[in-house]
Amino acid sequence: MNLPASEKLLIVGWYFPELASLLGTAEKKHVVVLVSNDAPWLSELKDAGTTLNFRAQGGASALAAYMRDGRNVFAMMDNIHPGTEFVRSPFFGRPAKTPVAILRLAIRNGYTLALIAPRDSRVEVVATLPTAGKQPEDLAAWVNQKIEQEVRRAPERWLSWPTLAYRFQAS
């Protein structure tokens, strides 16, 4: 995967089968991968400083520090965990809970959003959007629109179908 050079990137993704194969390249690319738990199979990457459990004690503060320092961050944006701050943004024609705190951090720290997706036998950056001058709600809508486009390309490859009901659920 080639990343745009000399930019602070919030790499946004969605759950597709090739995703796990990218984890090994995160350390070489100086990317911190946000995870929701410290699974044993991630321990090597955690020890290398490549993963950050955003739900762990101090996780949000560590993420803010990484982004303040300009470290590239990778986040799955097609899913949301209970207790995550969100905005409702269109996704498959319905208002869906969409994580917003990380988008605020991206704006505050001058990041560019970079959507990744599989293309042929590689994973590529398929769309980018600078966050300067944008509102978090606008970024959430952009992310949802781009992920929806990717899922529609090959719906059978999207691994987050089971989480969709929660994203659509009323508060």
C-alpha atoms as a PDB file:
ATOM      1  CA  MET A   1       0.000   0.000   0.000  1.00  0.00           C
ATOM      2  CA  ASN A   2       1.418   3.356  -1.026  1.00  0.00           C
ATOM      3  CA  LEU A   3       0.528   6.228   1.276  1.00  0.00           C
ATOM      4  CA  PRO A   4       0.629   9.874   0.221  1.00  0.00           C
ATOM      5  CA  ALA A   5       3.993  11.281   1.310  1.00  0.00           C
ATOM      6  CA  SER A   6       4.549  14.117   3.784  1.00  0.00           C
ATOM      7  CA  GLU A   7       0.985  14.296   5.060  1.00  0.00           C
ATOM      8  CA  LYS A   8      -0.516  13.453   8.420  1.00  0.00           C
ATOM      9  CA  LEU A   9      -3.015  10.749   7.551  1.00  0.00           C
ATOM     10  CA  LEU A  10      -6.069   9.356   9.242  1.00  0.00           C
ATOM     11  CA  ILE A  11      -6.342   6.185   7.205  1.00  0.00           C
ATOM     12  CA  VAL A  12      -9.948   5.045   7.240  1.00  0.00           C
ATOM     13  CA  GLY A  13     -11.028   1.582   6.341  1.00  0.00           C
ATOM     14  CA  TRP A  14     -13.804  -0.930   6.453  1.00  0.00           C
ATOM     15  CA  TYR A  15     -13.709  -4.624   7.284  1.00  0.00           C
ATOM     16  CA  PHE A  16     -12.738  -6.561   4.148  1.00  0.00           C
ATOM     17  CA  PRO A  17     -10.879  -9.905   4.040  1.00  0.00           C
ATOM     18  CA  GLU A  18      -7.413  -8.578   3.115  1.00  0.00           C
ATOM     19  CA  LEU A  19      -7.331  -6.206   6.058  1.00  0.00           C
ATOM     20  CA  ALA A  20      -5.455  -8.514   8.443  1.00  0.00           C
ATOM     21  CA  SER A  21      -2.588  -8.803   5.956  1.00  0.00           C
ATOM     22  CA  LEU A  22      -1.973  -5.045   6.268  1.00  0.00           C
ATOM     23  CA  LEU A  23      -1.225  -5.192   9.972  1.00  0.00           C
ATOM     24  CA  GLY A  24       2.288  -6.445   9.335  1.00  0.00           C
ATOM     25  CA  THR A  25       3.097  -3.382   7.229  1.00  0.00           C
ATOM     26  CA  ALA A  26       1.860  -0.865   9.797  1.00  0.00           C
ATOM     27  CA  GLU A  27       5.146  -0.782  11.708  1.00  0.00           C
ATOM     28  CA  LYS A  28       7.183  -0.181   8.533  1.00  0.00           C
ATOM     29  CA  LYS A  29       4.856   2.651   7.544  1.00  0.00           C
ATOM     30  CA  HIS A  30       4.873   4.186  11.070  1.00  0.00           C
ATOM     31  CA  VAL A  31       1.111   3.785  11.363  1.00  0.00           C
ATOM     32  CA  VAL A  32      -0.673   3.150  14.636  1.00  0.00           C
ATOM     33  CA  VAL A  33      -3.667   0.850  14.204  1.00  0.00           C
ATOM     34  CA  LEU A  34      -6.652   1.482  16.462  1.00  0.00           C
ATOM     35  CA  VAL A  35      -8.051  -1.704  17.987  1.00  0.00           C
ATOM     36  CA  SER A  36     -10.942  -2.266  20.369  1.00  0.00           C
ATOM     37  CA  ASN A  37      -9.244  -4.963  22.453  1.00  0.00           C
ATOM     38  CA  ASP A  38      -5.774  -6.304  23.100  1.00  0.00           C
ATOM     39  CA  ALA A  39      -6.260  -9.715  21.531  1.00  0.00           C
ATOM     40  CA  PRO A  40      -3.372 -12.149  22.101  1.00  0.00           C
ATOM     41  CA  TRP A  41      -2.687 -12.413  18.352  1.00  0.00           C
ATOM     42  CA  LEU A  42      -1.941  -8.659  18.332  1.00  0.00           C
ATOM     43  CA  SER A  43       0.610  -8.777  21.177  1.00  0.00           C
ATOM     44  CA  GLU A  44       3.668  -8.511  18.893  1.00  0.00           C
ATOM     45  CA  LEU A  45       2.241  -5.441  17.191  1.00  0.00           C
ATOM     46  CA  LYS A  46       1.248  -3.943  20.539  1.00  0.00           C
ATOM     47  CA  ASP A  47       4.773  -4.471  21.888  1.00  0.00           C
ATOM     48  CA  ALA A  48       6.141  -2.718  18.777  1.00  0.00           C
ATOM     49  CA  GLY A  49       3.854   0.278  19.439  1.00  0.00           C
ATOM     50  CA  THR A  50       1.853  -0.385  16.289  1.00  0.00           C
ATOM     51  CA  THR A  51      -1.566  -0.875  17.899  1.00  0.00           C
ATOM     52  CA  LEU A  52      -3.519   1.272  20.317  1.00  0.00           C
ATOM     53  CA  ASN A  53      -6.544  -0.020  22.182  1.00  0.00           C
ATOM     54  CA  PHE A  54      -8.729   3.080  22.113  1.00  0.00           C
ATOM     55  CA  ARG A  55     -11.130   1.541  24.645  1.00  0.00           C
ATOM     56  CA  ALA A  56      -8.450   0.820  27.241  1.00  0.00           C
ATOM     57  CA  GLN A  57      -7.699   3.117  30.179  1.00  0.00           C
ATOM     58  CA  GLY A  58      -5.759   6.061  28.733  1.00  0.00           C
ATOM     59  CA  GLY A  59      -6.466   5.019  25.135  1.00  0.00           C
ATOM     60  CA  ALA A  60      -8.200   8.248  24.147  1.00  0.00           C
ATOM     61  CA  SER A  61      -5.403  10.351  25.656  1.00  0.00           C
ATOM     62  CA  ALA A  62      -2.759   8.275  23.882  1.00  0.00           C
ATOM     63  CA  LEU A  63      -4.606   8.696  20.588  1.00  0.00           C
ATOM     64  CA  ALA A  64      -4.780  12.460  21.073  1.00  0.00           C
ATOM     65  CA  ALA A  65      -1.029  12.520  21.798  1.00  0.00           C
ATOM     66  CA  TYR A  66      -0.203  10.423  18.718  1.00  0.00           C
ATOM     67  CA  MET A  67      -2.234  12.769  16.546  1.00  0.00           C
ATOM     68  CA  ARG A  68      -0.768  15.872  18.176  1.00  0.00           C
ATOM     69  CA  ASP A  69       2.644  14.436  17.238  1.00  0.00           C
ATOM     70  CA  GLY A  70       1.506  13.820  13.645  1.00  0.00           C
ATOM     71  CA  ARG A  71       1.636  10.023  13.662  1.00  0.00           C
ATOM     72  CA  ASN A  72      -0.402   8.348  10.937  1.00  0.00           C
ATOM     73  CA  VAL A  73      -3.416   6.523  12.376  1.00  0.00           C
ATOM     74  CA  PHE A  74      -5.545   3.728  10.923  1.00  0.00           C
ATOM     75  CA  ALA A  75      -9.178   3.400  12.043  1.00  0.00           C
ATOM     76  CA  MET A  76     -12.046   1.177  10.967  1.00  0.00           C
ATOM     77  CA  MET A  77     -14.979   3.496  10.390  1.00  0.00           C
ATOM     78  CA  ASP A  78     -17.686   1.043   9.322  1.00  0.00           C
ATOM     79  CA  ASN A  79     -18.345  -0.034  12.890  1.00  0.00           C
ATOM     80  CA  ILE A  80     -19.007   1.720  16.195  1.00  0.00           C
ATOM     81  CA  HIS A  81     -18.634   0.465  19.734  1.00  0.00           C
ATOM     82  CA  PRO A  82     -21.068   1.209  22.581  1.00  0.00           C
ATOM     83  CA  GLY A  83     -20.033   4.314  24.473  1.00  0.00           C
ATOM     84  CA  THR A  84     -18.313   5.884  21.448  1.00  0.00           C
ATOM     85  CA  GLU A  85     -19.180   9.518  20.765  1.00  0.00           C
ATOM     86  CA  PHE A  86     -21.053   9.720  17.474  1.00  0.00           C
ATOM     87  CA  VAL A  87     -23.017  11.811  15.029  1.00  0.00           C
ATOM     88  CA  ARG A  88     -25.793  10.487  12.875  1.00  0.00           C
ATOM     89  CA  SER A  89     -24.792  10.501   9.243  1.00  0.00           C
ATOM     90  CA  PRO A  90     -26.349   8.938   6.126  1.00  0.00           C
ATOM     91  CA  PHE A  91     -25.268   5.356   5.455  1.00  0.00           C
ATOM     92  CA  PHE A  92     -27.180   3.113   3.070  1.00  0.00           C
ATOM     93  CA  GLY A  93     -30.002   5.653   3.033  1.00  0.00           C
ATOM     94  CA  ARG A  94     -30.486   5.852   6.796  1.00  0.00           C
ATOM     95  CA  PRO A  95     -29.026   7.923   9.624  1.00  0.00           C
ATOM     96  CA  ALA A  96     -26.260   5.844  11.169  1.00  0.00           C
ATOM     97  CA  LYS A  97     -24.137   6.280  14.279  1.00  0.00           C
ATOM     98  CA  THR A  98     -20.714   7.347  13.035  1.00  0.00           C
ATOM     99  CA  PRO A  99     -17.659   7.872  15.286  1.00  0.00           C
ATOM    100  CA  VAL A 100     -16.910  11.590  15.570  1.00  0.00           C
ATOM    101  CA  ALA A 101     -14.199  12.181  18.201  1.00  0.00           C
ATOM    102  CA  ILE A 102     -11.449  10.910  15.928  1.00  0.00           C
ATOM    103  CA  LEU A 103     -12.699  13.202  13.161  1.00  0.00           C
ATOM    104  CA  ARG A 104     -12.463  16.167  15.537  1.00  0.00           C
ATOM    105  CA  LEU A 105      -8.885  15.175  16.353  1.00  0.00           C
ATOM    106  CA  ALA A 106      -8.106  14.970  12.641  1.00  0.00           C
ATOM    107  CA  ILE A 107      -9.424  18.492  12.068  1.00  0.00           C
ATOM    108  CA  ARG A 108      -7.661  19.902  15.132  1.00  0.00           C
ATOM    109  CA  ASN A 109      -4.328  18.409  14.057  1.00  0.00           C
ATOM    110  CA  GLY A 110      -4.483  19.103  10.312  1.00  0.00           C
ATOM    111  CA  TYR A 111      -4.861  15.558   9.029  1.00  0.00           C
ATOM    112  CA  THR A 112      -5.957  14.294   5.634  1.00  0.00           C
ATOM    113  CA  LEU A 113      -8.451  11.428   5.478  1.00  0.00           C
ATOM    114  CA  ALA A 114      -7.271   8.572   3.262  1.00  0.00           C
ATOM    115  CA  LEU A 115      -9.767   5.810   2.465  1.00  0.00           C
ATOM    116  CA  ILE A 116      -8.241   2.417   1.692  1.00  0.00           C
ATOM    117  CA  ALA A 117      -9.874  -0.416  -0.218  1.00  0.00           C
ATOM    118  CA  PRO A 118      -8.897  -3.556  -2.119  1.00  0.00           C
ATOM    119  CA  ARG A 119      -8.068  -3.130  -5.803  1.00  0.00           C
ATOM    120  CA  ASP A 120      -7.081  -6.192  -7.801  1.00  0.00           C
ATOM    121  CA  SER A 121      -4.427  -7.929  -5.699  1.00  0.00           C
ATOM    122  CA  ARG A 122      -3.473  -4.861  -3.620  1.00  0.00           C
ATOM    123  CA  VAL A 123      -4.943  -2.523  -1.040  1.00  0.00           C
ATOM    124  CA  GLU A 124      -4.811   1.071  -2.228  1.00  0.00           C
ATOM    125  CA  VAL A 125      -5.679   4.561  -1.081  1.00  0.00           C
ATOM    126  CA  VAL A 126      -8.758   5.179  -3.236  1.00  0.00           C
ATOM    127  CA  ALA A 127      -9.860   8.616  -1.992  1.00  0.00           C
ATOM    128  CA  THR A 128      -8.441  11.436   0.111  1.00  0.00           C
ATOM    129  CA  LEU A 129      -9.924  14.505   1.746  1.00  0.00           C
ATOM    130  CA  PRO A 130      -8.054  17.244   3.642  1.00  0.00           C
ATOM    131  CA  THR A 131      -9.841  18.068   6.898  1.00  0.00           C
ATOM    132  CA  ALA A 132      -8.915  21.775   6.962  1.00  0.00           C
ATOM    133  CA  GLY A 133     -12.006  23.973   7.141  1.00  0.00           C
ATOM    134  CA  LYS A 134     -14.373  20.992   7.392  1.00  0.00           C
ATOM    135  CA  GLN A 135     -16.906  20.180  10.090  1.00  0.00           C
ATOM    136  CA  PRO A 136     -16.861  16.741  11.749  1.00  0.00           C
ATOM    137  CA  GLU A 137     -20.361  16.062  10.392  1.00  0.00           C
ATOM    138  CA  ASP A 138     -19.129  16.714   6.844  1.00  0.00           C
ATOM    139  CA  LEU A 139     -16.242  14.298   7.335  1.00  0.00           C
ATOM    140  CA  ALA A 140     -18.573  11.652   8.775  1.00  0.00           C
ATOM    141  CA  ALA A 141     -20.823  11.972   5.718  1.00  0.00           C
ATOM    142  CA  TRP A 142     -17.811  11.689   3.382  1.00  0.00           C
ATOM    143  CA  VAL A 143     -16.478   8.601   5.175  1.00  0.00           C
ATOM    144  CA  ASN A 144     -19.888   6.897   5.150  1.00  0.00           C
ATOM    145  CA  GLN A 145     -20.457   7.734   1.478  1.00  0.00           C
ATOM    146  CA  LYS A 146     -17.044   6.340   0.461  1.00  0.00           C
ATOM    147  CA  ILE A 147     -17.393   3.184   2.548  1.00  0.00           C
ATOM    148  CA  GLU A 148     -20.902   2.630   1.189  1.00  0.00           C
ATOM    149  CA  GLN A 149     -19.547   2.936  -2.378  1.00  0.00           C
ATOM    150  CA  GLU A 150     -16.883   0.345  -1.608  1.00  0.00           C
ATOM    151  CA  VAL A 151     -19.344  -2.063   0.008  1.00  0.00           C
ATOM    152  CA  ARG A 152     -21.682  -1.738  -2.984  1.00  0.00           C
ATOM    153  CA  ARG A 153     -18.784  -2.757  -5.268  1.00  0.00           C
ATOM    154  CA  ALA A 154     -18.646  -6.173  -3.550  1.00  0.00           C
ATOM    155  CA  PRO A 155     -21.200  -6.541  -0.737  1.00  0.00           C
ATOM    156  CA  GLU A 156     -20.274 -10.168  -0.132  1.00  0.00           C
ATOM    157  CA  ARG A 157     -16.789  -9.041   0.961  1.00  0.00           C
ATOM    158  CA  TRP A 158     -17.985  -6.689   3.720  1.00  0.00           C
ATOM    159  CA  LEU A 159     -17.471  -8.309   7.105  1.00  0.00           C
ATOM    160  CA  SER A 160     -19.454  -5.786   9.187  1.00  0.00           C
ATOM    161  CA  TRP A 161     -22.984  -6.616   8.087  1.00  0.00           C
ATOM    162  CA  PRO A 162     -23.799  -7.924  11.598  1.00  0.00           C
ATOM    163  CA  THR A 163     -23.022  -4.499  13.142  1.00  0.00           C
ATOM    164  CA  LEU A 164     -25.297  -2.522  10.850  1.00  0.00           C
ATOM    165  CA  ALA A 165     -28.408  -2.840  13.034  1.00  0.00           C
ATOM    166  CA  TYR A 166     -26.565  -1.229  15.960  1.00  0.00           C
ATOM    167  CA  ARG A 167     -25.417   1.679  13.795  1.00  0.00           C
ATOM    168  CA  PHE A 168     -29.031   2.322  12.760  1.00  0.00           C
ATOM    169  CA  GLN A 169     -30.430   1.893  16.280  1.00  0.00           C
ATOM    170  CA  ALA A 170     -31.935   4.941  17.990  1.00  0.00           C
ATOM    171  CA  SER A 171     -30.212   6.197  21.129  1.00  0.00           C
END
